[in-house]
Amino acid sequence: MTTTEAVTADATEAPSTFDSLNPATGEVVGTHPIHDAAHVQACVAEARVQAEWWRDLGFDGRKKELGRWRALMTRRMDDLAAVMSAETGKPKGDALLEISLAIDHLAWAPAHAPKVLGRQKVSPGLLMANQAASVAYRPMGVVGVIGPWNYPVFTPMGSIAYALAAGNAVVFKPSEYTPGVGVWLAETFLEAVGRPVLQVVTGFGATGGALCGAGVDKLAFTGSAPTGKKVMAACAETLTPVIIEAGGKDALLVADDADIAAAAEAALWGACGNAGQTCVGVERVYVDERVYDDFVTELVEQAKQVKAGPGEQVGPITMPKQMDTIKRHIDDALARGGRALVGGADAVGERFVQPTVLVDVPEDSAAIKEETFGPTVTVTKVADMDEAVRLANDTTYGLGSTVFSAKQGMEIAEKLRAGMTAINGVISFAGIPNLPFGGIGDSGFGRIHGPDGLKEFTYAHAIARQRMKPVLALTTFKRTAKAEKQLTRIVGALYGRGGKKG
């Protein structure tokens, strides 16, 4: 939705609230306001006031305040997990894992912000040796965050925690499927810190569109590629820079020297964890023909032990319309010669999808080309890892990837066109605060997490300070011909040698 569409909607024709539903049961979890453009703009205006106070606290002050929030969140992990489970349907254990990773990032960001963002000296170079040069990274002001429903704490906190640690105020628009999680985060922040440096707005696409056009200094979005394009278009109206994390079609590669049992376990978790609703989940597997049969046997055996349903390891599909996509991909794969070794045509129920393992699926099928976002995986036999790499890279996406190999892991990983790669593990890069998270192509651009994630929410401020008069006065209308000749000789001596063919 564009900003224009968002702000011209007639509020009198629309309801003022909406219900959050439990996808496993359909029951109402909570009721939340549909915030209009005026409310969003008021929140951004308040955030701009709070941003000055927050910025002036400095790195140490912000670290102390964020430490209070982190401690409160840690003490109430069970409460937050209950809200997450109710709104997404994910098992409590999965919710607790997600919260734990988010807390770890919340600890890392303010602890490392001074070193990453504080003013640092840089070399001025020989030509400008009379100057002292330095650079610091300053907060942008107010950051807007539009979060997803599949990981409603971990994913948006990858932007919120880093933006706050960098000195910005934040206005957060959670998914309409998980508004309660966003409200919980904002309320606990206010309880811990005492000032609304983090605010939440709830609603649908129009609310997100209003945030895009409300004058934030940067916007971080996580969602689908088509919606990401709409967000970019809306933000372009006000030249608001954006970070886009827009999903993937991640591949797992299994070499002939891989630990087959471990590779199968990783493939199953990567494909079916969180009911497959993971942007960096495993959707395609390419296996060396020499170990293909062993891998498939192991994967099938493990997959048969995993079930979807109330109280089972795999929760419901949170977004109802995703059921149609999952079913279409399975049906298309089967219609074009693919086989379901686990699950299949009957795997898609009313609220749950059973784990599905597909083989012999054509490379141009929807199940291989399009993001499925469900507990399904395709397994393809390849002649060697060169073919595996070629097929893995044959996608418009470029988010995550996985390699299983005893000795070739780094060599294979270096050839993959992806923002992140895990070797002999799955999705491990997401849990390491020092590593940047993000992709290329249809997976978006920009990075959260790590030093790159801190810098994403700042702008560089460079300072050059003259320490002494220059040997050659060049930036003046009093420059002499002699000085120009001396400059030419110096540049020639420094850079004119080399480059000639023998």
Protein backbone atom coordinates (compact mmCIF):
# COMPACT_ATOMS: atom_id res chain seq x y z
CA MET A 1 0.00 0.00 0.00
CA THR A 2 1.30 3.44 -0.88
CA THR A 3 1.40 6.29 1.57
CA THR A 4 -1.25 8.13 -0.44
CA GLU A 5 -3.64 5.20 -0.19
CA ALA A 6 -2.93 4.91 3.51
CA VAL A 7 -3.62 8.51 4.43
CA THR A 8 -6.66 9.08 2.20
CA ALA A 9 -8.68 6.15 3.53
CA ASP A 10 -11.92 7.30 5.12
CA ALA A 11 -11.59 6.34 8.78
CA THR A 12 -15.35 6.63 9.31
CA GLU A 13 -15.94 3.68 6.99
CA ALA A 14 -13.52 1.35 8.72
CA PRO A 15 -13.67 -0.34 12.13
CA SER A 16 -11.56 1.22 14.87
CA THR A 17 -10.30 -2.08 16.30
CA PHE A 18 -9.35 -5.57 15.16
CA ASP A 19 -8.99 -8.95 16.82
CA SER A 20 -5.85 -11.03 17.14
CA LEU A 21 -6.66 -14.73 16.71
CA ASN A 22 -5.02 -17.95 17.82
CA PRO A 23 -4.27 -19.74 14.52
CA ALA A 24 -4.48 -23.15 16.20
CA THR A 25 -8.03 -22.64 17.49
CA GLY A 26 -9.44 -19.50 15.89
CA GLU A 27 -10.29 -17.99 19.27
CA VAL A 28 -9.78 -14.30 19.97
CA VAL A 29 -6.53 -13.59 21.81
CA GLY A 30 -6.87 -9.82 22.07
CA THR A 31 -8.38 -6.69 20.55
CA HIS A 32 -6.23 -3.79 19.37
CA PRO A 33 -6.77 -0.34 17.83
CA ILE A 34 -6.38 0.32 14.12
CA HIS A 35 -4.15 3.36 14.28
CA ASP A 36 -4.69 5.91 11.53
CA ALA A 37 -2.20 8.23 9.87
CA ALA A 38 -2.81 11.04 12.35
CA HIS A 39 -2.02 8.79 15.30
CA VAL A 40 1.10 7.43 13.59
CA GLN A 41 2.33 10.94 12.86
CA ALA A 42 1.73 11.92 16.48
CA CYS A 43 3.79 8.94 17.64
CA VAL A 44 6.65 9.89 15.33
CA ALA A 45 6.50 13.48 16.61
CA GLU A 46 6.69 12.22 20.20
CA ALA A 47 9.52 9.89 19.24
CA ARG A 48 11.48 12.82 17.87
CA VAL A 49 11.25 14.54 21.26
CA GLN A 50 12.29 11.36 23.06
CA ALA A 51 15.13 10.80 20.60
CA GLU A 52 16.96 13.90 21.85
CA TRP A 53 16.86 12.71 25.44
CA TRP A 54 17.88 9.20 24.42
CA ARG A 55 20.75 10.43 22.24
CA ASP A 56 22.06 12.68 25.02
CA LEU A 57 22.30 9.75 27.44
CA GLY A 58 25.35 8.60 25.49
CA PHE A 59 26.52 5.04 25.04
CA ASP A 60 26.89 4.29 28.75
CA GLY A 61 23.52 5.75 29.67
CA ARG A 62 21.71 3.83 26.94
CA LYS A 63 23.50 0.63 27.91
CA LYS A 64 22.24 1.05 31.48
CA GLU A 65 18.64 1.69 30.38
CA LEU A 66 18.61 -1.17 27.88
CA GLY A 67 20.07 -3.38 30.59
CA ARG A 68 17.00 -2.68 32.73
CA TRP A 69 14.72 -3.62 29.86
CA ARG A 70 16.73 -6.76 29.12
CA ALA A 71 16.56 -7.87 32.75
CA LEU A 72 12.80 -7.28 32.91
CA MET A 73 12.28 -9.18 29.67
CA THR A 74 14.40 -12.04 30.97
CA ARG A 75 12.42 -12.29 34.20
CA ARG A 76 9.17 -12.38 32.23
CA MET A 77 10.16 -14.74 29.44
CA ASP A 78 7.30 -17.09 30.25
CA ASP A 79 4.77 -14.26 29.96
CA LEU A 80 6.08 -13.19 26.58
CA ALA A 81 6.25 -16.80 25.39
CA ALA A 82 2.59 -17.22 26.30
CA VAL A 83 1.63 -14.20 24.20
CA MET A 84 3.71 -15.47 21.28
CA SER A 85 2.26 -18.98 21.47
CA ALA A 86 -1.27 -17.60 21.60
CA GLU A 87 -0.80 -15.34 18.57
CA THR A 88 1.37 -17.59 16.38
CA GLY A 89 0.48 -21.07 17.64
CA LYS A 90 4.16 -22.00 17.96
CA PRO A 91 5.14 -24.38 20.78
CA LYS A 92 6.24 -22.66 24.00
CA GLY A 93 9.72 -24.15 23.71
CA ASP A 94 10.20 -22.56 20.29
CA ALA A 95 8.95 -19.24 21.67
CA LEU A 96 11.43 -19.39 24.56
CA LEU A 97 14.29 -20.15 22.15
CA GLU A 98 13.34 -17.14 20.05
CA ILE A 99 13.15 -14.86 23.08
CA SER A 100 16.51 -16.09 24.37
CA LEU A 101 18.23 -15.24 21.09
CA ALA A 102 16.61 -11.80 21.05
CA ILE A 103 17.80 -11.12 24.61
CA ASP A 104 21.33 -12.10 23.62
CA HIS A 105 21.27 -9.55 20.80
CA LEU A 106 19.81 -6.95 23.17
CA ALA A 107 22.83 -7.47 25.39
CA TRP A 108 25.37 -7.38 22.55
CA ALA A 109 24.23 -4.22 20.77
CA PRO A 110 24.67 -1.62 23.56
CA ALA A 111 27.82 -3.33 24.83
CA HIS A 112 29.56 -2.99 21.46
CA ALA A 113 28.05 0.28 20.23
CA PRO A 114 30.82 2.52 21.66
CA LYS A 115 33.59 0.65 19.86
CA VAL A 116 31.69 0.36 16.59
CA LEU A 117 30.10 3.81 16.46
CA GLY A 118 32.31 6.05 18.61
CA ARG A 119 34.69 8.54 17.06
CA GLN A 120 37.80 6.90 15.70
CA LYS A 121 40.98 8.32 14.19
CA VAL A 122 41.75 7.47 10.58
CA SER A 123 44.87 8.08 8.55
CA PRO A 124 44.75 11.30 6.53
CA GLY A 125 47.19 9.96 3.93
CA LEU A 126 50.49 11.46 2.76
CA LEU A 127 49.02 14.30 0.72
CA MET A 128 46.91 15.49 3.67
CA ALA A 129 49.43 14.70 6.42
CA ASN A 130 48.86 18.09 8.04
CA GLN A 131 45.29 17.05 8.92
CA ALA A 132 43.91 14.99 11.79
CA ALA A 133 41.05 12.85 10.51
CA SER A 134 38.31 11.04 12.39
CA VAL A 135 34.87 9.53 11.85
CA ALA A 136 31.94 8.79 14.15
CA TYR A 137 28.52 7.29 13.53
CA ARG A 138 25.63 9.39 14.77
CA PRO A 139 22.02 8.28 15.37
CA MET A 140 19.62 9.15 12.59
CA GLY A 141 16.82 10.21 14.94
CA VAL A 142 13.60 8.20 14.62
CA VAL A 143 13.55 4.70 13.12
CA GLY A 144 10.38 2.98 11.95
CA VAL A 145 10.23 -0.81 12.16
CA ILE A 146 7.64 -2.97 10.41
CA GLY A 147 7.89 -6.49 11.79
CA PRO A 148 6.74 -9.94 10.66
CA TRP A 149 4.48 -12.49 12.33
CA ASN A 150 6.62 -15.62 12.01
CA TYR A 151 9.32 -14.52 14.49
CA PRO A 152 7.54 -11.59 16.13
CA VAL A 153 10.25 -10.99 18.77
CA PHE A 154 13.59 -12.10 17.35
CA THR A 155 13.24 -10.54 13.89
CA PRO A 156 12.04 -7.03 14.78
CA MET A 157 14.37 -6.90 17.77
CA GLY A 158 17.21 -7.26 15.28
CA SER A 159 16.28 -3.74 14.22
CA ILE A 160 14.81 -2.35 17.46
CA ALA A 161 17.71 -3.31 19.74
CA TYR A 162 20.37 -2.07 17.35
CA ALA A 163 18.54 1.15 16.50
CA LEU A 164 18.08 1.92 20.20
CA ALA A 165 21.69 1.07 21.03
CA ALA A 166 22.80 3.44 18.28
CA GLY A 167 20.85 6.27 19.90
CA ASN A 168 17.58 6.36 17.96
CA ALA A 169 13.97 6.36 19.11
CA VAL A 170 11.79 3.67 17.51
CA VAL A 171 8.19 3.43 16.35
CA PHE A 172 7.29 -0.23 15.85
CA LYS A 173 4.43 -1.54 13.73
CA PRO A 174 4.04 -5.30 14.41
CA SER A 175 2.21 -7.64 12.07
CA GLU A 176 -1.56 -7.61 12.36
CA TYR A 177 -1.26 -11.29 13.28
CA THR A 178 0.97 -10.58 16.31
CA PRO A 179 0.02 -7.13 17.67
CA GLY A 180 0.03 -8.34 21.27
CA VAL A 181 3.72 -9.14 21.06
CA GLY A 182 4.50 -5.60 19.89
CA VAL A 183 2.39 -4.09 22.65
CA TRP A 184 4.15 -6.29 25.23
CA LEU A 185 7.57 -5.09 24.07
CA ALA A 186 6.60 -1.41 24.16
CA GLU A 187 4.89 -1.68 27.55
CA THR A 188 7.81 -3.46 29.21
CA PHE A 189 10.25 -0.94 27.73
CA LEU A 190 8.21 1.92 29.21
CA GLU A 191 8.07 0.12 32.55
CA ALA A 192 11.84 -0.38 32.58
CA VAL A 193 12.99 2.96 31.18
CA GLY A 194 10.14 5.28 32.09
CA ARG A 195 10.01 7.16 28.78
CA PRO A 196 8.38 6.14 25.47
CA VAL A 197 11.55 5.95 23.42
CA LEU A 198 10.03 2.77 21.93
CA GLN A 199 6.39 3.10 20.84
CA VAL A 200 4.05 0.70 19.07
CA VAL A 201 1.32 1.32 16.51
CA THR A 202 -1.09 -1.44 15.49
CA GLY A 203 -3.26 -2.06 12.45
CA PHE A 204 -3.07 -3.32 8.90
CA GLY A 205 -1.32 -2.22 5.71
CA ALA A 206 -2.63 1.33 5.96
CA THR A 207 -0.96 1.76 9.34
CA GLY A 208 2.32 0.51 7.92
CA GLY A 209 1.90 2.82 4.94
CA ALA A 210 1.31 5.73 7.29
CA LEU A 211 4.54 4.91 9.13
CA CYS A 212 6.41 4.96 5.81
CA GLY A 213 5.21 8.51 5.16
CA ALA A 214 5.30 9.88 8.69
CA GLY A 215 8.77 11.38 8.53
CA VAL A 216 10.87 8.67 10.13
CA ASP A 217 14.57 8.94 9.35
CA LYS A 218 14.89 5.29 8.32
CA LEU A 219 12.54 2.34 8.03
CA ALA A 220 13.35 -1.35 8.56
CA PHE A 221 10.92 -3.80 6.97
CA THR A 222 10.65 -7.58 7.13
CA GLY A 223 8.12 -9.39 4.96
CA SER A 224 7.51 -10.59 1.42
CA ALA A 225 9.31 -9.23 -1.63
CA PRO A 226 6.11 -7.81 -3.21
CA THR A 227 5.23 -5.95 -0.02
CA GLY A 228 8.83 -4.83 0.32
CA LYS A 229 8.58 -3.16 -3.08
CA LYS A 230 5.45 -1.31 -1.95
CA VAL A 231 7.22 -0.17 1.20
CA MET A 232 10.13 1.12 -0.88
CA ALA A 233 7.75 2.99 -3.17
CA ALA A 234 5.97 4.58 -0.21
CA CYS A 235 9.24 5.57 1.46
CA ALA A 236 10.55 7.00 -1.82
CA GLU A 237 7.92 9.75 -1.62
CA THR A 238 9.80 11.25 1.33
CA LEU A 239 13.28 9.94 0.42
CA THR A 240 13.21 7.76 3.52
CA PRO A 241 16.01 5.17 3.37
CA VAL A 242 14.97 1.55 3.99
CA ILE A 243 16.28 -1.83 5.04
CA ILE A 244 14.44 -4.68 3.33
CA GLU A 245 14.51 -8.30 4.48
CA ALA A 246 12.20 -10.04 2.07
CA GLY A 247 12.40 -13.81 2.43
CA GLY A 248 14.29 -16.51 0.63
CA LYS A 249 14.40 -19.93 -0.99
CA ASP A 250 17.34 -21.29 0.93
CA ALA A 251 19.22 -24.41 -0.08
CA LEU A 252 21.08 -27.06 1.94
CA LEU A 253 23.95 -28.83 0.18
CA VAL A 254 25.12 -32.30 1.23
CA ALA A 255 28.59 -33.39 0.08
CA ASP A 256 29.73 -37.00 -0.16
CA ASP A 257 31.80 -36.66 3.03
CA ALA A 258 28.97 -35.22 5.13
CA ASP A 259 27.62 -36.59 8.41
CA ILE A 260 24.42 -37.93 6.89
CA ALA A 261 22.40 -38.25 10.09
CA ALA A 262 23.32 -34.71 11.16
CA ALA A 263 22.59 -33.33 7.68
CA ALA A 264 19.16 -34.99 7.64
CA GLU A 265 18.36 -33.68 11.11
CA ALA A 266 19.36 -30.16 10.07
CA ALA A 267 17.32 -30.38 6.88
CA LEU A 268 14.25 -31.51 8.81
CA TRP A 269 14.56 -28.80 11.45
CA GLY A 270 15.36 -26.14 8.85
CA ALA A 271 12.33 -27.16 6.78
CA CYS A 272 9.77 -27.84 9.52
CA GLY A 273 10.85 -25.77 12.53
CA ASN A 274 8.26 -23.04 13.20
CA ALA A 275 6.03 -24.95 10.76
CA GLY A 276 8.41 -23.98 7.96
CA GLN A 277 7.55 -20.32 8.43
CA THR A 278 11.17 -19.17 8.47
CA CYS A 279 12.72 -16.79 5.96
CA VAL A 280 16.08 -18.60 6.35
CA GLY A 281 14.48 -22.04 6.58
CA VAL A 282 15.57 -24.92 4.37
CA GLU A 283 13.29 -25.28 1.32
CA ARG A 284 15.63 -27.07 -1.11
CA VAL A 285 18.22 -29.81 -0.55
CA TYR A 286 20.88 -30.86 -3.09
CA VAL A 287 22.66 -34.13 -2.29
CA ASP A 288 25.71 -35.74 -3.90
CA GLU A 289 24.57 -38.85 -5.75
CA ARG A 290 27.04 -41.02 -3.83
CA VAL A 291 25.18 -40.40 -0.56
CA TYR A 292 21.74 -39.50 -1.91
CA ASP A 293 20.01 -42.78 -1.06
CA ASP A 294 21.43 -42.84 2.46
CA PHE A 295 20.41 -39.24 3.04
CA VAL A 296 16.86 -39.72 1.78
CA THR A 297 16.42 -42.84 3.89
CA GLU A 298 17.61 -41.01 6.99
CA LEU A 299 15.51 -37.91 6.30
CA VAL A 300 12.35 -39.93 5.69
CA GLU A 301 12.87 -41.95 8.85
CA GLN A 302 13.31 -38.79 10.93
CA ALA A 303 10.46 -36.91 9.24
CA LYS A 304 7.99 -39.69 10.00
CA GLN A 305 8.57 -39.06 13.70
CA VAL A 306 7.55 -35.39 13.49
CA LYS A 307 3.88 -34.40 13.54
CA ALA A 308 1.92 -31.19 13.20
CA GLY A 309 -1.03 -30.56 15.47
CA PRO A 310 -2.07 -29.30 18.90
CA GLY A 311 0.65 -30.22 21.38
CA GLU A 312 2.92 -31.64 18.66
CA GLN A 313 6.37 -30.49 17.54
CA VAL A 314 5.01 -28.52 14.57
CA GLY A 315 2.48 -25.77 15.18
CA PRO A 316 -0.19 -24.28 12.89
CA ILE A 317 0.21 -22.10 9.83
CA THR A 318 -0.20 -18.61 11.28
CA MET A 319 -1.45 -16.83 8.15
CA PRO A 320 -4.49 -18.66 6.73
CA LYS A 321 -3.94 -17.67 3.09
CA GLN A 322 -0.49 -19.31 3.18
CA MET A 323 -2.30 -22.66 3.14
CA ASP A 324 -3.23 -22.07 -0.51
CA THR A 325 0.40 -21.44 -1.46
CA ILE A 326 1.65 -24.55 0.33
CA LYS A 327 -1.01 -26.75 -1.24
CA ARG A 328 -0.39 -25.29 -4.71
CA HIS A 329 3.33 -26.03 -4.45
CA ILE A 330 2.78 -29.62 -3.30
CA ASP A 331 0.12 -30.29 -5.95
CA ASP A 332 2.25 -28.79 -8.71
CA ALA A 333 5.28 -30.86 -7.69
CA LEU A 334 3.25 -34.08 -7.69
CA ALA A 335 1.49 -33.28 -10.95
CA ARG A 336 4.84 -32.79 -12.68
CA GLY A 337 6.34 -36.11 -11.69
CA GLY A 338 7.51 -35.45 -8.14
CA ARG A 339 6.95 -37.96 -5.36
CA ALA A 340 6.05 -37.38 -1.73
CA LEU A 341 7.98 -39.76 0.52
CA VAL A 342 6.43 -38.18 3.61
CA GLY A 343 3.25 -36.11 3.66
CA GLY A 344 2.00 -35.07 0.26
CA ALA A 345 -1.38 -34.18 -1.21
CA ASP A 346 -3.22 -34.85 2.06
CA ALA A 347 -0.69 -33.01 4.23
CA VAL A 348 -2.54 -29.68 4.15
CA GLY A 349 -5.33 -29.56 6.70
CA GLU A 350 -7.54 -26.76 7.95
CA ARG A 351 -4.96 -25.20 10.28
CA PHE A 352 -1.94 -27.52 10.22
CA VAL A 353 0.36 -28.91 7.52
CA GLN A 354 2.12 -32.23 8.05
CA PRO A 355 5.86 -32.40 7.25
CA THR A 356 6.31 -33.20 3.56
CA VAL A 357 9.42 -34.53 1.80
CA LEU A 358 9.34 -34.26 -2.01
CA VAL A 359 11.78 -35.88 -4.46
CA ASP A 360 12.12 -35.94 -8.26
CA VAL A 361 10.69 -32.43 -8.46
CA PRO A 362 11.50 -30.47 -11.66
CA GLU A 363 13.78 -27.49 -11.11
CA ASP A 364 11.31 -25.11 -12.75
CA SER A 365 8.41 -26.10 -10.49
CA ALA A 366 6.79 -23.70 -8.04
CA ALA A 367 8.02 -25.80 -5.11
CA ILE A 368 11.61 -25.03 -6.10
CA LYS A 369 11.32 -21.54 -7.59
CA GLU A 370 8.86 -19.84 -5.21
CA GLU A 371 9.04 -19.35 -1.46
CA THR A 372 6.72 -21.95 0.09
CA PHE A 373 6.85 -20.92 3.75
CA GLY A 374 5.54 -24.21 5.02
CA PRO A 375 6.89 -27.50 6.45
CA THR A 376 7.91 -28.91 3.08
CA VAL A 377 11.26 -29.61 1.45
CA THR A 378 12.45 -30.81 -1.95
CA VAL A 379 15.44 -33.17 -2.20
CA THR A 380 17.40 -33.35 -5.47
CA LYS A 381 20.22 -35.69 -6.51
CA VAL A 382 23.28 -34.02 -8.06
CA ALA A 383 26.45 -35.35 -9.67
CA ASP A 384 28.76 -33.27 -7.46
CA MET A 385 28.97 -30.07 -5.44
CA ASP A 386 29.60 -27.96 -8.54
CA GLU A 387 26.15 -28.90 -9.79
CA ALA A 388 24.72 -28.38 -6.31
CA VAL A 389 26.17 -24.87 -6.16
CA ARG A 390 24.86 -24.04 -9.64
CA LEU A 391 21.34 -25.15 -8.76
CA ALA A 392 21.42 -23.54 -5.32
CA ASN A 393 22.40 -20.22 -6.91
CA ASP A 394 19.72 -20.50 -9.60
CA THR A 395 17.22 -18.34 -7.73
CA THR A 396 16.21 -14.71 -7.59
CA TYR A 397 16.59 -14.89 -3.81
CA GLY A 398 19.87 -14.80 -1.89
CA LEU A 399 19.29 -14.92 1.85
CA GLY A 400 20.70 -17.93 3.74
CA SER A 401 22.24 -21.29 2.86
CA THR A 402 23.65 -24.41 4.50
CA VAL A 403 26.51 -26.78 3.67
CA PHE A 404 27.24 -30.19 5.18
CA SER A 405 30.74 -31.49 4.50
CA ALA A 406 33.61 -32.75 6.63
CA LYS A 407 36.38 -31.09 4.60
CA GLN A 408 34.86 -28.99 1.80
CA GLY A 409 32.57 -26.74 3.83
CA MET A 410 34.38 -23.42 3.42
CA GLU A 411 35.25 -24.08 -0.22
CA ILE A 412 31.60 -24.76 -1.09
CA ALA A 413 30.29 -21.90 1.04
CA GLU A 414 32.52 -19.38 -0.74
CA LYS A 415 30.79 -20.23 -4.03
CA LEU A 416 27.23 -19.65 -2.83
CA ARG A 417 25.34 -16.49 -3.75
CA ALA A 418 23.81 -15.73 -0.38
CA GLY A 419 24.11 -13.26 2.45
CA MET A 420 24.75 -16.00 5.02
CA THR A 421 25.90 -19.62 5.15
CA ALA A 422 25.92 -22.18 7.95
CA ILE A 423 28.40 -25.08 7.75
CA ASN A 424 27.52 -28.36 9.46
CA GLY A 425 24.68 -26.63 11.30
CA VAL A 426 21.48 -24.86 10.36
CA ILE A 427 20.51 -21.17 10.74
CA SER A 428 23.42 -20.81 13.19
CA PHE A 429 24.45 -17.45 11.72
CA ALA A 430 21.23 -15.84 12.99
CA GLY A 431 22.11 -16.54 16.61
CA ILE A 432 25.60 -14.99 16.48
CA PRO A 433 25.32 -11.28 17.40
CA ASN A 434 28.65 -10.43 15.73
CA LEU A 435 27.45 -11.54 12.29
CA PRO A 436 25.38 -9.38 9.93
CA PHE A 437 21.99 -10.74 8.86
CA GLY A 438 20.54 -10.01 5.43
CA GLY A 439 20.52 -11.00 1.78
CA ILE A 440 20.71 -9.89 -1.82
CA GLY A 441 18.42 -9.98 -4.85
CA ASP A 442 14.76 -10.57 -4.02
CA SER A 443 15.80 -11.22 -0.43
CA GLY A 444 16.38 -7.49 -0.02
CA PHE A 445 19.30 -5.35 1.11
CA GLY A 446 20.80 -3.79 4.18
CA ARG A 447 21.88 -5.64 7.32
CA ILE A 448 20.77 -6.09 10.90
CA HIS A 449 22.87 -7.61 13.71
CA GLY A 450 26.56 -7.13 14.32
CA PRO A 451 28.62 -3.99 13.64
CA ASP A 452 26.90 -3.63 10.26
CA GLY A 453 23.52 -3.67 11.99
CA LEU A 454 24.55 -0.89 14.35
CA LYS A 455 25.86 1.26 11.50
CA GLU A 456 22.64 0.77 9.49
CA PHE A 457 20.85 3.05 11.95
CA THR A 458 23.42 5.83 11.89
CA TYR A 459 25.05 8.26 9.52
CA ALA A 460 28.79 8.78 9.26
CA HIS A 461 30.13 12.12 10.45
CA ALA A 462 33.65 12.83 9.20
CA ILE A 463 35.89 15.53 10.66
CA ALA A 464 39.17 16.81 9.23
CA ARG A 465 41.11 19.16 11.55
CA GLN A 466 44.16 21.03 10.38
CA ARG A 467 47.06 20.42 12.77
CA MET A 468 49.63 22.57 10.94
CA LYS A 469 49.91 24.62 7.81
CA PRO A 470 50.31 22.50 4.67
CA VAL A 471 53.68 22.22 3.00
CA LEU A 472 51.96 23.01 -0.30
CA ALA A 473 49.16 25.61 -0.23
CA LEU A 474 46.79 24.19 -2.84
CA THR A 475 43.25 25.08 -1.72
CA THR A 476 43.67 28.81 -2.24
CA PHE A 477 43.56 31.30 -5.06
CA LYS A 478 47.10 32.20 -4.06
CA ARG A 479 48.32 28.81 -5.28
CA THR A 480 51.52 29.15 -7.31
CA ALA A 481 52.72 27.36 -10.41
CA LYS A 482 55.68 26.13 -8.39
CA ALA A 483 53.34 24.46 -5.90
CA GLU A 484 51.44 22.79 -8.75
CA LYS A 485 54.69 21.38 -10.19
CA GLN A 486 55.73 20.12 -6.78
CA LEU A 487 52.34 18.41 -6.39
CA THR A 488 52.75 16.72 -9.76
CA ARG A 489 56.21 15.43 -8.81
CA ILE A 490 54.98 14.13 -5.45
CA VAL A 491 51.98 12.31 -6.96
CA GLY A 492 54.20 10.87 -9.67
CA ALA A 493 56.72 9.60 -7.12
CA LEU A 494 54.00 8.09 -4.95
CA TYR A 495 51.75 6.53 -7.55
CA GLY A 496 53.40 6.63 -10.96
CA ARG A 497 55.45 3.48 -10.64
CA GLY A 498 54.13 0.02 -11.47
CA GLY A 499 51.31 -0.82 -13.80
CA LYS A 500 53.62 -1.19 -16.79
CA LYS A 501 53.76 -4.48 -18.65
CA GLY A 502 57.23 -6.01 -18.80
